[in-house]
Amino acid sequence: MAYTAPRTTTRPSSQRHPLVATAMVLPLAALLVVVFGGWDAVVTQASSVGVMLGR
């Protein structure tokens, strides 16, 4: 029978604080908005969601 390496058990990774996650995502999001000129699309989508939620 062939030797197979034993599987290692992985511990659940700790969760990041929401502010840390936000700080990691915002620069990339800002870059994508600038590169693709998507600010108008973001505003349009946000306003559509606001209307759907009744705000």
C-alpha atoms as a PDB file:
ATOM      1  CA  MET A   1       0.000   0.000   0.000  1.00  0.00           C
ATOM      2  CA  ALA A   2       1.274   3.468  -0.805  1.00  0.00           C
ATOM      3  CA  TYR A   3       2.370   5.766   1.981  1.00  0.00           C
ATOM      4  CA  THR A   4       0.257   8.878   2.327  1.00  0.00           C
ATOM      5  CA  ALA A   5       1.264  11.781   4.477  1.00  0.00           C
ATOM      6  CA  PRO A   6      -0.947  12.354   7.483  1.00  0.00           C
ATOM      7  CA  ARG A   7      -3.306  15.290   7.206  1.00  0.00           C
ATOM      8  CA  THR A   8      -2.625  18.197   9.457  1.00  0.00           C
ATOM      9  CA  THR A   9      -5.487  19.662  11.364  1.00  0.00           C
ATOM     10  CA  THR A  10      -5.944  23.363  10.881  1.00  0.00           C
ATOM     11  CA  ARG A  11      -7.063  25.603  13.662  1.00  0.00           C
ATOM     12  CA  PRO A  12      -9.852  28.022  12.890  1.00  0.00           C
ATOM     13  CA  SER A  13      -8.302  31.320  11.962  1.00  0.00           C
ATOM     14  CA  SER A  14      -8.943  34.217  14.263  1.00  0.00           C
ATOM     15  CA  GLN A  15     -11.306  36.864  12.973  1.00  0.00           C
ATOM     16  CA  ARG A  16     -10.095  40.352  12.216  1.00  0.00           C
ATOM     17  CA  HIS A  17     -11.599  43.367  13.856  1.00  0.00           C
ATOM     18  CA  PRO A  18     -14.075  45.031  11.470  1.00  0.00           C
ATOM     19  CA  LEU A  19     -12.063  48.259  11.452  1.00  0.00           C
ATOM     20  CA  VAL A  20      -8.925  46.383  10.413  1.00  0.00           C
ATOM     21  CA  ALA A  21     -10.811  44.652   7.623  1.00  0.00           C
ATOM     22  CA  THR A  22     -12.244  47.993   6.491  1.00  0.00           C
ATOM     23  CA  ALA A  23      -8.807  49.610   6.536  1.00  0.00           C
ATOM     24  CA  MET A  24      -7.506  46.792   4.351  1.00  0.00           C
ATOM     25  CA  VAL A  25     -10.322  47.022   1.795  1.00  0.00           C
ATOM     26  CA  LEU A  26     -10.772  50.787   1.436  1.00  0.00           C
ATOM     27  CA  PRO A  27      -7.509  51.548  -0.429  1.00  0.00           C
ATOM     28  CA  LEU A  28      -8.263  48.883  -3.033  1.00  0.00           C
ATOM     29  CA  ALA A  29     -11.854  50.042  -3.360  1.00  0.00           C
ATOM     30  CA  ALA A  30     -10.729  53.644  -3.822  1.00  0.00           C
ATOM     31  CA  LEU A  31      -8.202  52.585  -6.454  1.00  0.00           C
ATOM     32  CA  LEU A  32     -10.845  50.656  -8.376  1.00  0.00           C
ATOM     33  CA  VAL A  33     -13.241  53.603  -8.246  1.00  0.00           C
ATOM     34  CA  VAL A  34     -10.580  55.949  -9.602  1.00  0.00           C
ATOM     35  CA  VAL A  35      -9.317  53.563 -12.287  1.00  0.00           C
ATOM     36  CA  PHE A  36     -12.723  52.552 -13.581  1.00  0.00           C
ATOM     37  CA  GLY A  37     -14.530  55.810 -12.867  1.00  0.00           C
ATOM     38  CA  GLY A  38     -17.204  53.956 -10.963  1.00  0.00           C
ATOM     39  CA  TRP A  39     -18.197  56.603  -8.428  1.00  0.00           C
ATOM     40  CA  ASP A  40     -21.444  57.369 -10.279  1.00  0.00           C
ATOM     41  CA  ALA A  41     -22.300  53.671 -10.364  1.00  0.00           C
ATOM     42  CA  VAL A  42     -21.645  53.359  -6.628  1.00  0.00           C
ATOM     43  CA  VAL A  43     -23.885  56.335  -5.863  1.00  0.00           C
ATOM     44  CA  THR A  44     -26.610  55.010  -8.156  1.00  0.00           C
ATOM     45  CA  GLN A  45     -26.541  51.553  -6.569  1.00  0.00           C
ATOM     46  CA  ALA A  46     -26.517  52.976  -3.050  1.00  0.00           C
ATOM     47  CA  SER A  47     -29.494  55.191  -3.814  1.00  0.00           C
ATOM     48  CA  SER A  48     -31.356  52.250  -5.383  1.00  0.00           C
ATOM     49  CA  VAL A  49     -30.764  50.143  -2.289  1.00  0.00           C
ATOM     50  CA  GLY A  50     -31.915  53.039  -0.115  1.00  0.00           C
ATOM     51  CA  VAL A  51     -35.143  53.322  -2.105  1.00  0.00           C
ATOM     52  CA  MET A  52     -35.734  49.556  -1.833  1.00  0.00           C
ATOM     53  CA  LEU A  53     -35.262  49.742   1.919  1.00  0.00           C
ATOM     54  CA  GLY A  54     -37.679  52.651   2.112  1.00  0.00           C
ATOM     55  CA  ARG A  55     -35.253  55.373   3.131  1.00  0.00           C
END
